[in-house]
Amino acid sequence: MLPWFSAIAIILIVVGLYMGFFVAPTDYKQGEGYRIIFVHVPASWMSMFIYLVMAFWAAMGLIFNTRISAMMVQALAPTGAMFTFLSLWTGAFWGKPMWGTWWVWDARLTSELILFFLYIGYIALHSSIDDNRRADRASAILVLVGVVNIPIIYYSVKWWNTLHQGASVSVNSGSSMATIMLVSMLVMALGFWAYSIAVALGRVRSIILERERDSTWVSELAEMRR
């Protein structure tokens, strides 16, 4: 599955970037500067979605004591951290021409920054414990505690008076964007989604091989590859 998702990711991201930067019309208020949303918004979606998936696998690992669940959490964390950093970075580039500043302690920006620290905290905590079982349990608890931040990020623009604009795409009210803009954004989101799956599959395979490196089947696999 990894090569298929890798190819799908490359195709969708290239198509999404082309549509967003060369096909989508200029925004009547923000001009050309708005085009950063075709990276910023999908990256923000993925930063929250990946954390929710991590929380699901963390819960499965704690409830059923399944090793592969903990490995999936570990495999997803770096990708989630990358998308959160990308969200913050592109948000700063968008905020400078629109707000006149790179950063404000806005409710959504601050909660997204906290999400980045949660990802980094998980990675640091898991790496600091030598025993994999103890590391899996401790870091899983951290992930589940931190999941409360996701609804805060999503509803922050509704709960507080923030500089960050409200959602342009909503399940209840539909989209306030031009169709080509919406399609471009969704294509990019699907591309990021496929990329996340491809990277997670590759990373979890490496984690399994690393943890089972002393087992017989890994030795046999290594001999077959030589």
N, C-alpha and C. Protein backbone atom coordinates (compact mmCIF):
# COMPACT_ATOMS: atom_id res chain seq x y z
N MET A 1 0.81 -1.22 0.00
CA MET A 1 0.00 0.00 0.00
C MET A 1 0.85 1.27 0.00
N LEU A 2 2.06 1.17 0.54
CA LEU A 2 2.88 2.37 0.67
C LEU A 2 3.19 3.04 -0.68
N PRO A 3 3.62 2.29 -1.71
CA PRO A 3 3.89 2.94 -3.00
C PRO A 3 2.64 3.59 -3.61
N TRP A 4 1.48 2.95 -3.42
CA TRP A 4 0.25 3.51 -3.98
C TRP A 4 -0.10 4.84 -3.33
N PHE A 5 -0.06 4.88 -1.99
CA PHE A 5 -0.38 6.12 -1.30
C PHE A 5 0.67 7.20 -1.56
N SER A 6 1.92 6.80 -1.75
CA SER A 6 2.97 7.77 -2.07
C SER A 6 2.70 8.42 -3.43
N ALA A 7 2.35 7.59 -4.41
CA ALA A 7 2.06 8.12 -5.75
C ALA A 7 0.83 9.01 -5.73
N ILE A 8 -0.22 8.57 -5.01
CA ILE A 8 -1.44 9.38 -4.91
C ILE A 8 -1.15 10.71 -4.26
N ALA A 9 -0.32 10.70 -3.22
CA ALA A 9 0.02 11.94 -2.52
C ALA A 9 0.74 12.92 -3.44
N ILE A 10 1.71 12.43 -4.18
CA ILE A 10 2.47 13.30 -5.09
C ILE A 10 1.56 13.91 -6.14
N ILE A 11 0.72 13.09 -6.74
CA ILE A 11 -0.18 13.58 -7.80
C ILE A 11 -1.14 14.62 -7.26
N LEU A 12 -1.79 14.31 -6.14
CA LEU A 12 -2.79 15.23 -5.59
C LEU A 12 -2.18 16.54 -5.12
N ILE A 13 -1.02 16.48 -4.49
CA ILE A 13 -0.38 17.71 -4.01
C ILE A 13 0.06 18.59 -5.17
N VAL A 14 0.61 17.99 -6.21
CA VAL A 14 1.02 18.78 -7.39
C VAL A 14 -0.20 19.41 -8.05
N VAL A 15 -1.27 18.63 -8.23
CA VAL A 15 -2.50 19.16 -8.83
C VAL A 15 -3.10 20.24 -7.95
N GLY A 16 -3.13 20.01 -6.63
CA GLY A 16 -3.70 20.99 -5.72
C GLY A 16 -2.94 22.30 -5.71
N LEU A 17 -1.61 22.22 -5.72
CA LEU A 17 -0.80 23.44 -5.75
C LEU A 17 -1.00 24.20 -7.05
N TYR A 18 -1.06 23.47 -8.17
CA TYR A 18 -1.28 24.14 -9.47
C TYR A 18 -2.63 24.83 -9.50
N MET A 19 -3.67 24.14 -9.04
CA MET A 19 -5.00 24.74 -9.04
C MET A 19 -5.08 25.94 -8.10
N GLY A 20 -4.46 25.81 -6.93
CA GLY A 20 -4.55 26.88 -5.95
C GLY A 20 -3.77 28.12 -6.34
N PHE A 21 -2.60 27.94 -6.95
CA PHE A 21 -1.73 29.07 -7.23
C PHE A 21 -1.87 29.62 -8.65
N PHE A 22 -2.44 28.84 -9.58
CA PHE A 22 -2.50 29.30 -10.96
C PHE A 22 -3.91 29.29 -11.57
N VAL A 23 -4.82 28.50 -11.00
CA VAL A 23 -6.16 28.40 -11.57
C VAL A 23 -7.18 29.20 -10.77
N ALA A 24 -7.10 29.11 -9.45
CA ALA A 24 -8.06 29.81 -8.58
C ALA A 24 -7.97 31.32 -8.80
N PRO A 25 -9.11 32.02 -8.78
CA PRO A 25 -9.10 33.47 -9.02
C PRO A 25 -8.52 34.24 -7.84
N THR A 26 -8.16 35.48 -8.09
CA THR A 26 -7.65 36.36 -7.04
C THR A 26 -8.79 36.76 -6.11
N ASP A 27 -8.52 36.75 -4.82
CA ASP A 27 -9.53 37.13 -3.84
C ASP A 27 -9.77 38.64 -3.90
N TYR A 28 -11.04 39.04 -3.82
CA TYR A 28 -11.36 40.46 -4.00
C TYR A 28 -10.96 41.31 -2.80
N LYS A 29 -10.74 40.69 -1.65
CA LYS A 29 -10.34 41.43 -0.46
C LYS A 29 -8.84 41.30 -0.17
N GLN A 30 -8.33 40.07 -0.22
CA GLN A 30 -6.96 39.82 0.20
C GLN A 30 -5.96 39.74 -0.95
N GLY A 31 -6.45 39.85 -2.17
CA GLY A 31 -5.55 39.82 -3.31
C GLY A 31 -4.90 38.47 -3.49
N GLU A 32 -3.63 38.47 -3.95
CA GLU A 32 -2.92 37.22 -4.20
C GLU A 32 -2.43 36.57 -2.91
N GLY A 33 -2.33 37.35 -1.85
CA GLY A 33 -1.78 36.83 -0.60
C GLY A 33 -2.61 35.72 0.02
N TYR A 34 -3.86 35.64 -0.35
CA TYR A 34 -4.74 34.62 0.25
C TYR A 34 -4.35 33.21 -0.16
N ARG A 35 -3.58 33.05 -1.24
CA ARG A 35 -3.29 31.72 -1.79
C ARG A 35 -2.55 30.82 -0.81
N ILE A 36 -1.99 31.38 0.24
CA ILE A 36 -1.32 30.57 1.25
C ILE A 36 -2.31 29.62 1.92
N ILE A 37 -3.61 29.92 1.81
CA ILE A 37 -4.60 29.05 2.47
C ILE A 37 -4.63 27.65 1.87
N PHE A 38 -4.19 27.51 0.63
CA PHE A 38 -4.23 26.19 -0.01
C PHE A 38 -3.19 25.24 0.60
N VAL A 39 -2.26 25.79 1.37
CA VAL A 39 -1.35 24.97 2.16
C VAL A 39 -1.73 25.07 3.64
N HIS A 40 -2.03 26.28 4.09
CA HIS A 40 -2.28 26.52 5.51
C HIS A 40 -3.49 25.77 6.04
N VAL A 41 -4.60 25.85 5.36
CA VAL A 41 -5.84 25.24 5.86
C VAL A 41 -5.75 23.71 5.86
N PRO A 42 -5.34 23.05 4.74
CA PRO A 42 -5.20 21.59 4.81
C PRO A 42 -4.20 21.14 5.87
N ALA A 43 -3.10 21.88 6.04
CA ALA A 43 -2.13 21.52 7.07
C ALA A 43 -2.75 21.62 8.46
N SER A 44 -3.57 22.65 8.68
CA SER A 44 -4.25 22.81 9.97
C SER A 44 -5.24 21.68 10.21
N TRP A 45 -5.99 21.32 9.17
CA TRP A 45 -6.92 20.19 9.30
C TRP A 45 -6.17 18.92 9.69
N MET A 46 -5.05 18.66 9.00
CA MET A 46 -4.31 17.43 9.25
C MET A 46 -3.68 17.43 10.64
N SER A 47 -3.25 18.60 11.12
CA SER A 47 -2.63 18.66 12.45
C SER A 47 -3.62 18.20 13.52
N MET A 48 -4.89 18.57 13.37
CA MET A 48 -5.91 18.15 14.33
C MET A 48 -6.36 16.71 14.09
N PHE A 49 -6.53 16.36 12.83
CA PHE A 49 -7.02 15.01 12.50
C PHE A 49 -6.03 13.94 12.95
N ILE A 50 -4.75 14.16 12.69
CA ILE A 50 -3.74 13.18 13.07
C ILE A 50 -3.70 13.00 14.59
N TYR A 51 -3.88 14.10 15.33
CA TYR A 51 -3.87 13.97 16.78
C TYR A 51 -5.07 13.14 17.26
N LEU A 52 -6.22 13.34 16.62
CA LEU A 52 -7.39 12.53 16.98
C LEU A 52 -7.15 11.05 16.68
N VAL A 53 -6.50 10.77 15.56
CA VAL A 53 -6.17 9.37 15.22
C VAL A 53 -5.19 8.81 16.23
N MET A 54 -4.22 9.62 16.64
CA MET A 54 -3.28 9.19 17.67
C MET A 54 -4.01 8.88 18.98
N ALA A 55 -4.97 9.73 19.34
CA ALA A 55 -5.74 9.50 20.57
C ALA A 55 -6.53 8.19 20.49
N PHE A 56 -7.08 7.91 19.30
CA PHE A 56 -7.81 6.65 19.11
C PHE A 56 -6.89 5.45 19.33
N TRP A 57 -5.71 5.47 18.69
CA TRP A 57 -4.79 4.35 18.84
C TRP A 57 -4.25 4.27 20.26
N ALA A 58 -4.05 5.43 20.91
CA ALA A 58 -3.57 5.42 22.30
C ALA A 58 -4.60 4.76 23.21
N ALA A 59 -5.88 5.08 23.00
CA ALA A 59 -6.95 4.47 23.80
C ALA A 59 -7.01 2.97 23.54
N MET A 60 -6.90 2.56 22.28
CA MET A 60 -6.92 1.13 21.96
C MET A 60 -5.76 0.40 22.63
N GLY A 61 -4.60 1.05 22.66
CA GLY A 61 -3.44 0.44 23.28
C GLY A 61 -3.60 0.27 24.78
N LEU A 62 -4.18 1.29 25.44
CA LEU A 62 -4.37 1.20 26.88
C LEU A 62 -5.48 0.21 27.25
N ILE A 63 -6.54 0.18 26.47
CA ILE A 63 -7.68 -0.69 26.79
C ILE A 63 -7.38 -2.16 26.49
N PHE A 64 -6.85 -2.41 25.29
CA PHE A 64 -6.65 -3.80 24.86
C PHE A 64 -5.19 -4.26 24.95
N ASN A 65 -4.30 -3.36 25.36
CA ASN A 65 -2.89 -3.69 25.53
C ASN A 65 -2.28 -4.25 24.24
N THR A 66 -2.61 -3.64 23.13
CA THR A 66 -2.10 -4.07 21.83
C THR A 66 -0.85 -3.28 21.48
N ARG A 67 0.20 -3.97 21.15
CA ARG A 67 1.48 -3.31 20.87
C ARG A 67 1.43 -2.49 19.59
N ILE A 68 0.71 -2.99 18.57
CA ILE A 68 0.68 -2.28 17.29
C ILE A 68 0.00 -0.92 17.44
N SER A 69 -0.93 -0.80 18.39
CA SER A 69 -1.60 0.49 18.61
C SER A 69 -0.60 1.54 19.04
N ALA A 70 0.26 1.17 19.99
CA ALA A 70 1.28 2.11 20.47
C ALA A 70 2.27 2.45 19.35
N MET A 71 2.57 1.48 18.52
CA MET A 71 3.47 1.73 17.40
C MET A 71 2.85 2.71 16.40
N MET A 72 1.55 2.61 16.19
CA MET A 72 0.87 3.53 15.28
C MET A 72 0.92 4.96 15.83
N VAL A 73 0.72 5.10 17.13
CA VAL A 73 0.82 6.43 17.74
C VAL A 73 2.22 7.00 17.52
N GLN A 74 3.21 6.19 17.78
CA GLN A 74 4.60 6.63 17.61
C GLN A 74 4.90 6.98 16.16
N ALA A 75 4.32 6.23 15.22
CA ALA A 75 4.57 6.48 13.81
C ALA A 75 3.91 7.76 13.32
N LEU A 76 2.76 8.10 13.89
CA LEU A 76 2.01 9.27 13.42
C LEU A 76 2.52 10.59 14.00
N ALA A 77 3.13 10.55 15.18
CA ALA A 77 3.48 11.78 15.89
C ALA A 77 4.38 12.73 15.09
N PRO A 78 5.47 12.28 14.46
CA PRO A 78 6.32 13.22 13.72
C PRO A 78 5.59 13.91 12.57
N THR A 79 4.71 13.17 11.88
CA THR A 79 3.96 13.77 10.78
C THR A 79 2.98 14.81 11.31
N GLY A 80 2.31 14.51 12.42
CA GLY A 80 1.42 15.48 13.02
C GLY A 80 2.15 16.74 13.46
N ALA A 81 3.34 16.56 14.04
CA ALA A 81 4.15 17.71 14.45
C ALA A 81 4.55 18.55 13.23
N MET A 82 4.90 17.87 12.14
CA MET A 82 5.30 18.59 10.93
C MET A 82 4.15 19.42 10.38
N PHE A 83 2.94 18.85 10.32
CA PHE A 83 1.79 19.60 9.80
C PHE A 83 1.41 20.75 10.74
N THR A 84 1.57 20.56 12.04
CA THR A 84 1.27 21.64 12.97
C THR A 84 2.26 22.78 12.79
N PHE A 85 3.54 22.45 12.64
CA PHE A 85 4.55 23.48 12.38
C PHE A 85 4.27 24.19 11.07
N LEU A 86 3.88 23.42 10.03
CA LEU A 86 3.55 24.01 8.74
C LEU A 86 2.36 24.94 8.86
N SER A 87 1.37 24.55 9.66
CA SER A 87 0.20 25.40 9.89
C SER A 87 0.60 26.72 10.54
N LEU A 88 1.45 26.64 11.58
CA LEU A 88 1.89 27.85 12.27
C LEU A 88 2.75 28.73 11.37
N TRP A 89 3.63 28.11 10.62
CA TRP A 89 4.55 28.85 9.76
C TRP A 89 3.81 29.57 8.63
N THR A 90 2.93 28.84 7.93
CA THR A 90 2.17 29.47 6.85
C THR A 90 1.18 30.49 7.41
N GLY A 91 0.66 30.23 8.62
CA GLY A 91 -0.22 31.20 9.25
C GLY A 91 0.48 32.52 9.53
N ALA A 92 1.75 32.43 9.93
CA ALA A 92 2.53 33.65 10.16
C ALA A 92 2.73 34.43 8.86
N PHE A 93 3.01 33.70 7.77
CA PHE A 93 3.20 34.36 6.48
C PHE A 93 1.89 34.99 5.98
N TRP A 94 0.79 34.38 6.32
CA TRP A 94 -0.51 34.93 5.95
C TRP A 94 -0.86 36.11 6.85
N GLY A 95 -0.52 36.01 8.12
CA GLY A 95 -0.89 37.05 9.06
C GLY A 95 -0.14 38.35 8.87
N LYS A 96 1.10 38.29 8.40
CA LYS A 96 1.90 39.51 8.26
C LYS A 96 1.25 40.53 7.34
N PRO A 97 0.87 40.18 6.10
CA PRO A 97 0.23 41.18 5.23
C PRO A 97 -1.21 41.49 5.61
N MET A 98 -1.91 40.55 6.27
CA MET A 98 -3.31 40.75 6.59
C MET A 98 -3.52 41.47 7.93
N TRP A 99 -2.70 41.14 8.93
CA TRP A 99 -2.84 41.71 10.26
C TRP A 99 -1.75 42.73 10.58
N GLY A 100 -0.68 42.72 9.76
CA GLY A 100 0.43 43.62 10.03
C GLY A 100 1.43 43.08 11.03
N THR A 101 1.33 41.80 11.40
CA THR A 101 2.25 41.20 12.36
C THR A 101 2.38 39.72 12.07
N TRP A 102 3.54 39.14 12.45
CA TRP A 102 3.77 37.73 12.22
C TRP A 102 3.00 36.87 13.21
N TRP A 103 2.80 37.38 14.42
CA TRP A 103 2.20 36.56 15.47
C TRP A 103 1.41 37.43 16.43
N VAL A 104 0.27 36.94 16.85
CA VAL A 104 -0.50 37.53 17.95
C VAL A 104 -0.94 36.39 18.86
N TRP A 105 -1.15 36.70 20.13
CA TRP A 105 -1.59 35.66 21.06
C TRP A 105 -3.10 35.48 20.94
N ASP A 106 -3.49 35.15 19.72
CA ASP A 106 -4.89 34.89 19.39
C ASP A 106 -5.26 33.50 19.92
N ALA A 107 -6.54 33.31 20.24
CA ALA A 107 -6.97 32.03 20.84
C ALA A 107 -6.66 30.85 19.94
N ARG A 108 -6.93 30.98 18.64
CA ARG A 108 -6.68 29.84 17.75
C ARG A 108 -5.19 29.63 17.55
N LEU A 109 -4.43 30.70 17.37
CA LEU A 109 -2.99 30.55 17.18
C LEU A 109 -2.33 29.95 18.42
N THR A 110 -2.76 30.42 19.58
CA THR A 110 -2.17 29.92 20.83
C THR A 110 -2.50 28.46 21.05
N SER A 111 -3.74 28.06 20.81
CA SER A 111 -4.13 26.66 21.00
C SER A 111 -3.45 25.76 19.97
N GLU A 112 -3.21 26.27 18.76
CA GLU A 112 -2.47 25.49 17.76
C GLU A 112 -1.02 25.34 18.19
N LEU A 113 -0.45 26.38 18.79
CA LEU A 113 0.92 26.29 19.31
C LEU A 113 1.00 25.25 20.44
N ILE A 114 -0.03 25.22 21.28
CA ILE A 114 -0.08 24.21 22.34
C ILE A 114 -0.12 22.81 21.74
N LEU A 115 -0.85 22.65 20.63
CA LEU A 115 -0.90 21.35 19.95
C LEU A 115 0.48 20.94 19.48
N PHE A 116 1.25 21.90 18.97
CA PHE A 116 2.62 21.60 18.54
C PHE A 116 3.46 21.13 19.72
N PHE A 117 3.30 21.80 20.87
CA PHE A 117 4.04 21.39 22.07
C PHE A 117 3.61 20.00 22.55
N LEU A 118 2.32 19.66 22.36
CA LEU A 118 1.85 18.32 22.73
C LEU A 118 2.53 17.25 21.88
N TYR A 119 2.63 17.52 20.57
CA TYR A 119 3.34 16.58 19.70
C TYR A 119 4.80 16.42 20.14
N ILE A 120 5.48 17.56 20.35
CA ILE A 120 6.88 17.51 20.75
C ILE A 120 7.02 16.84 22.11
N GLY A 121 6.08 17.15 23.02
CA GLY A 121 6.11 16.53 24.35
C GLY A 121 5.97 15.02 24.28
N TYR A 122 5.06 14.55 23.41
CA TYR A 122 4.89 13.10 23.24
C TYR A 122 6.18 12.47 22.74
N ILE A 123 6.77 13.05 21.71
CA ILE A 123 7.99 12.49 21.13
C ILE A 123 9.12 12.48 22.17
N ALA A 124 9.25 13.58 22.92
CA ALA A 124 10.30 13.67 23.93
C ALA A 124 10.08 12.67 25.06
N LEU A 125 8.83 12.56 25.52
CA LEU A 125 8.54 11.63 26.62
C LEU A 125 8.80 10.19 26.20
N HIS A 126 8.34 9.83 25.02
CA HIS A 126 8.53 8.45 24.55
C HIS A 126 10.01 8.13 24.38
N SER A 127 10.78 9.09 23.92
CA SER A 127 12.21 8.87 23.70
C SER A 127 13.00 8.81 25.00
N SER A 128 12.47 9.43 26.05
CA SER A 128 13.21 9.52 27.31
C SER A 128 13.09 8.26 28.16
N ILE A 129 12.18 7.35 27.83
CA ILE A 129 11.97 6.12 28.60
C ILE A 129 12.51 4.95 27.81
N ASP A 130 13.44 4.22 28.40
CA ASP A 130 14.11 3.13 27.68
C ASP A 130 13.19 1.94 27.43
N ASP A 131 12.37 1.59 28.41
CA ASP A 131 11.47 0.45 28.26
C ASP A 131 10.29 0.84 27.37
N ASN A 132 10.12 0.12 26.26
CA ASN A 132 9.10 0.49 25.29
C ASN A 132 7.68 0.39 25.86
N ARG A 133 7.44 -0.61 26.68
CA ARG A 133 6.10 -0.78 27.26
C ARG A 133 5.74 0.40 28.16
N ARG A 134 6.65 0.79 29.03
CA ARG A 134 6.42 1.93 29.92
C ARG A 134 6.30 3.22 29.11
N ALA A 135 7.13 3.35 28.09
CA ALA A 135 7.08 4.54 27.24
C ALA A 135 5.75 4.64 26.51
N ASP A 136 5.25 3.50 26.02
CA ASP A 136 3.96 3.48 25.32
C ASP A 136 2.83 3.92 26.23
N ARG A 137 2.81 3.40 27.46
CA ARG A 137 1.71 3.72 28.38
C ARG A 137 1.76 5.18 28.83
N ALA A 138 2.94 5.64 29.21
CA ALA A 138 3.06 7.02 29.70
C ALA A 138 2.71 8.04 28.61
N SER A 139 3.23 7.81 27.41
CA SER A 139 2.98 8.77 26.33
C SER A 139 1.53 8.68 25.84
N ALA A 140 0.90 7.50 25.93
CA ALA A 140 -0.50 7.36 25.55
C ALA A 140 -1.39 8.20 26.46
N ILE A 141 -1.07 8.20 27.75
CA ILE A 141 -1.84 9.02 28.69
C ILE A 141 -1.71 10.50 28.35
N LEU A 142 -0.49 10.92 28.00
CA LEU A 142 -0.28 12.32 27.60
C LEU A 142 -1.13 12.67 26.39
N VAL A 143 -1.18 11.78 25.40
CA VAL A 143 -1.97 12.03 24.20
C VAL A 143 -3.45 12.18 24.55
N LEU A 144 -3.97 11.31 25.40
CA LEU A 144 -5.39 11.35 25.75
C LEU A 144 -5.73 12.59 26.57
N VAL A 145 -4.83 13.03 27.43
CA VAL A 145 -5.06 14.27 28.18
C VAL A 145 -5.07 15.46 27.23
N GLY A 146 -4.17 15.46 26.26
CA GLY A 146 -4.05 16.59 25.36
C GLY A 146 -5.16 16.70 24.33
N VAL A 147 -5.98 15.64 24.17
CA VAL A 147 -7.02 15.67 23.14
C VAL A 147 -8.06 16.74 23.42
N VAL A 148 -8.15 17.19 24.67
CA VAL A 148 -9.10 18.26 25.01
C VAL A 148 -8.79 19.54 24.27
N ASN A 149 -7.55 19.67 23.78
CA ASN A 149 -7.16 20.89 23.07
C ASN A 149 -7.77 20.97 21.66
N ILE A 150 -8.14 19.84 21.08
CA ILE A 150 -8.66 19.83 19.71
C ILE A 150 -9.97 20.63 19.58
N PRO A 151 -11.00 20.37 20.40
CA PRO A 151 -12.21 21.21 20.29
C PRO A 151 -11.95 22.68 20.61
N ILE A 152 -10.95 22.95 21.46
CA ILE A 152 -10.61 24.34 21.75
C ILE A 152 -10.10 25.03 20.48
N ILE A 153 -9.24 24.33 19.73
CA ILE A 153 -8.75 24.90 18.47
C ILE A 153 -9.91 25.14 17.50
N TYR A 154 -10.76 24.14 17.36
CA TYR A 154 -11.83 24.21 16.36
C TYR A 154 -12.85 25.30 16.69
N TYR A 155 -13.24 25.41 17.95
CA TYR A 155 -14.31 26.34 18.32
C TYR A 155 -13.79 27.68 18.86
N SER A 156 -12.48 27.88 18.84
CA SER A 156 -11.93 29.10 19.44
C SER A 156 -12.46 30.37 18.80
N VAL A 157 -12.67 30.34 17.47
CA VAL A 157 -13.15 31.55 16.80
C VAL A 157 -14.61 31.84 17.12
N LYS A 158 -15.33 30.83 17.63
CA LYS A 158 -16.72 31.02 18.03
C LYS A 158 -16.84 31.39 19.51
N TRP A 159 -15.96 30.83 20.32
CA TRP A 159 -16.04 31.05 21.76
C TRP A 159 -15.45 32.39 22.18
N TRP A 160 -14.43 32.86 21.45
CA TRP A 160 -13.76 34.11 21.82
C TRP A 160 -13.72 35.06 20.64
N ASN A 161 -13.53 36.33 20.95
CA ASN A 161 -13.38 37.37 19.93
C ASN A 161 -11.93 37.37 19.47
N THR A 162 -11.66 36.74 18.31
CA THR A 162 -10.29 36.55 17.85
C THR A 162 -10.06 37.28 16.53
N LEU A 163 -8.76 37.50 16.24
CA LEU A 163 -8.40 38.08 14.96
C LEU A 163 -8.57 37.07 13.83
N HIS A 164 -8.40 35.82 14.15
CA HIS A 164 -8.47 34.77 13.13
C HIS A 164 -9.88 34.71 12.55
N GLN A 165 -9.95 34.67 11.24
CA GLN A 165 -11.26 34.65 10.59
C GLN A 165 -11.97 33.32 10.84
N GLY A 166 -13.28 33.35 10.73
CA GLY A 166 -14.08 32.14 10.93
C GLY A 166 -13.90 31.17 9.79
N ALA A 167 -14.52 30.01 9.93
CA ALA A 167 -14.39 28.96 8.93
C ALA A 167 -15.09 29.34 7.63
N SER A 168 -14.38 29.14 6.52
CA SER A 168 -14.98 29.37 5.21
C SER A 168 -15.73 28.15 4.70
N VAL A 169 -15.45 26.99 5.33
CA VAL A 169 -16.10 25.73 4.97
C VAL A 169 -16.72 25.15 6.23
N SER A 170 -18.03 24.88 6.17
CA SER A 170 -18.73 24.35 7.33
C SER A 170 -19.70 23.27 6.89
N VAL A 171 -19.85 22.26 7.74
CA VAL A 171 -20.79 21.18 7.44
C VAL A 171 -22.22 21.71 7.40
N ASN A 172 -22.55 22.62 8.31
CA ASN A 172 -23.92 23.12 8.43
C ASN A 172 -24.25 24.19 7.39
N SER A 173 -23.32 25.14 7.19
CA SER A 173 -23.62 26.28 6.31
C SER A 173 -22.98 26.16 4.93
N GLY A 174 -22.26 25.08 4.68
CA GLY A 174 -21.63 24.91 3.38
C GLY A 174 -20.37 25.74 3.26
N SER A 175 -20.08 26.21 2.03
CA SER A 175 -18.85 26.96 1.77
C SER A 175 -19.18 28.36 1.26
N SER A 176 -18.40 29.34 1.76
CA SER A 176 -18.53 30.71 1.28
C SER A 176 -17.48 31.01 0.20
N MET A 177 -16.72 30.00 -0.20
CA MET A 177 -15.65 30.18 -1.18
C MET A 177 -16.16 29.85 -2.58
N ALA A 178 -15.43 30.36 -3.57
CA ALA A 178 -15.71 29.98 -4.95
C ALA A 178 -15.43 28.49 -5.11
N THR A 179 -16.15 27.85 -6.01
CA THR A 179 -16.04 26.40 -6.17
C THR A 179 -14.62 25.94 -6.47
N ILE A 180 -13.92 26.65 -7.35
CA ILE A 180 -12.57 26.25 -7.71
C ILE A 180 -11.63 26.37 -6.52
N MET A 181 -11.87 27.36 -5.65
CA MET A 181 -11.06 27.49 -4.44
C MET A 181 -11.29 26.31 -3.51
N LEU A 182 -12.56 25.96 -3.33
CA LEU A 182 -12.90 24.85 -2.46
C LEU A 182 -12.33 23.54 -2.99
N VAL A 183 -12.45 23.30 -4.28
CA VAL A 183 -11.93 22.07 -4.88
C VAL A 183 -10.42 22.00 -4.72
N SER A 184 -9.73 23.11 -4.95
CA SER A 184 -8.28 23.14 -4.80
C SER A 184 -7.87 22.80 -3.38
N MET A 185 -8.59 23.35 -2.42
CA MET A 185 -8.27 23.09 -1.01
C MET A 185 -8.52 21.64 -0.64
N LEU A 186 -9.61 21.08 -1.15
CA LEU A 186 -9.92 19.69 -0.85
C LEU A 186 -8.93 18.73 -1.50
N VAL A 187 -8.48 19.06 -2.71
CA VAL A 187 -7.47 18.23 -3.38
C VAL A 187 -6.18 18.23 -2.56
N MET A 188 -5.78 19.40 -2.07
CA MET A 188 -4.59 19.49 -1.23
C MET A 188 -4.77 18.69 0.06
N ALA A 189 -5.96 18.78 0.65
CA ALA A 189 -6.23 18.05 1.89
C ALA A 189 -6.12 16.54 1.66
N LEU A 190 -6.67 16.06 0.54
CA LEU A 190 -6.58 14.64 0.21
C LEU A 190 -5.13 14.23 -0.05
N GLY A 191 -4.36 15.13 -0.67
CA GLY A 191 -2.95 14.86 -0.90
C GLY A 191 -2.18 14.74 0.41
N PHE A 192 -2.45 15.65 1.34
CA PHE A 192 -1.81 15.57 2.66
C PHE A 192 -2.24 14.31 3.41
N TRP A 193 -3.50 13.94 3.24
CA TRP A 193 -4.02 12.73 3.88
C TRP A 193 -3.29 11.49 3.36
N ALA A 194 -3.14 11.40 2.02
CA ALA A 194 -2.44 10.27 1.42
C ALA A 194 -0.98 10.25 1.84
N TYR A 195 -0.37 11.44 1.91
CA TYR A 195 1.03 11.53 2.36
C TYR A 195 1.17 11.01 3.79
N SER A 196 0.23 11.39 4.65
CA SER A 196 0.29 10.96 6.05
C SER A 196 0.20 9.45 6.17
N ILE A 197 -0.68 8.84 5.38
CA ILE A 197 -0.82 7.38 5.41
C ILE A 197 0.47 6.72 4.92
N ALA A 198 1.03 7.22 3.83
CA ALA A 198 2.25 6.63 3.27
C ALA A 198 3.40 6.70 4.27
N VAL A 199 3.58 7.88 4.88
CA VAL A 199 4.68 8.05 5.83
C VAL A 199 4.45 7.20 7.08
N ALA A 200 3.21 7.14 7.56
CA ALA A 200 2.91 6.35 8.75
C ALA A 200 3.17 4.87 8.50
N LEU A 201 2.79 4.37 7.31
CA LEU A 201 3.02 2.97 6.98
C LEU A 201 4.52 2.65 6.95
N GLY A 202 5.28 3.53 6.32
CA GLY A 202 6.72 3.32 6.26
C GLY A 202 7.37 3.39 7.64
N ARG A 203 6.91 4.35 8.44
CA ARG A 203 7.51 4.53 9.76
C ARG A 203 7.14 3.39 10.70
N VAL A 204 5.88 2.93 10.66
CA VAL A 204 5.49 1.85 11.57
C VAL A 204 6.18 0.55 11.19
N ARG A 205 6.46 0.37 9.92
CA ARG A 205 7.22 -0.81 9.51
C ARG A 205 8.62 -0.77 10.11
N SER A 206 9.24 0.41 10.09
CA SER A 206 10.58 0.56 10.68
C SER A 206 10.55 0.34 12.18
N ILE A 207 9.49 0.82 12.84
CA ILE A 207 9.37 0.66 14.29
C ILE A 207 9.23 -0.82 14.65
N ILE A 208 8.40 -1.54 13.87
CA ILE A 208 8.23 -2.97 14.13
C ILE A 208 9.56 -3.71 13.99
N LEU A 209 10.28 -3.42 12.91
CA LEU A 209 11.56 -4.09 12.69
C LEU A 209 12.57 -3.74 13.78
N GLU A 210 12.53 -2.49 14.23
CA GLU A 210 13.47 -2.08 15.29
C GLU A 210 13.16 -2.78 16.61
N ARG A 211 11.88 -2.85 16.95
CA ARG A 211 11.51 -3.47 18.23
C ARG A 211 11.68 -4.98 18.20
N GLU A 212 11.55 -5.57 17.02
CA GLU A 212 11.64 -7.03 16.91
C GLU A 212 12.98 -7.48 16.32
N ARG A 213 13.98 -6.62 16.41
CA ARG A 213 15.25 -6.92 15.74
C ARG A 213 15.94 -8.18 16.26
N ASP A 214 15.64 -8.58 17.51
CA ASP A 214 16.26 -9.78 18.07
C ASP A 214 15.45 -11.04 17.83
N SER A 215 14.29 -10.91 17.18
CA SER A 215 13.44 -12.08 16.95
C SER A 215 13.92 -12.87 15.72
N THR A 216 13.46 -14.11 15.66
CA THR A 216 13.90 -15.00 14.59
C THR A 216 13.42 -14.54 13.22
N TRP A 217 12.16 -14.09 13.16
CA TRP A 217 11.60 -13.75 11.85
C TRP A 217 12.29 -12.54 11.22
N VAL A 218 12.78 -11.63 12.06
CA VAL A 218 13.51 -10.48 11.51
C VAL A 218 14.87 -10.92 10.98
N SER A 219 15.50 -11.84 11.71
CA SER A 219 16.79 -12.37 11.23
C SER A 219 16.61 -13.10 9.90
N GLU A 220 15.56 -13.89 9.81
CA GLU A 220 15.29 -14.60 8.56
C GLU A 220 14.98 -13.63 7.41
N LEU A 221 14.23 -12.57 7.73
CA LEU A 221 13.93 -11.57 6.72
C LEU A 221 15.19 -10.86 6.24
N ALA A 222 16.08 -10.57 7.19
CA ALA A 222 17.34 -9.92 6.83
C ALA A 222 18.19 -10.82 5.94
N GLU A 223 18.20 -12.11 6.22
CA GLU A 223 18.96 -13.06 5.39
C GLU A 223 18.38 -13.14 3.99
N MET A 224 17.04 -13.07 3.88
CA MET A 224 16.40 -13.14 2.56
C MET A 224 16.71 -11.91 1.73
N ARG A 225 16.89 -10.76 2.39
CA ARG A 225 17.15 -9.52 1.68
C ARG A 225 18.60 -9.41 1.19
N ARG A 226 19.47 -10.20 1.77
CA ARG A 226 20.90 -10.11 1.39
C ARG A 226 21.17 -10.74 0.04
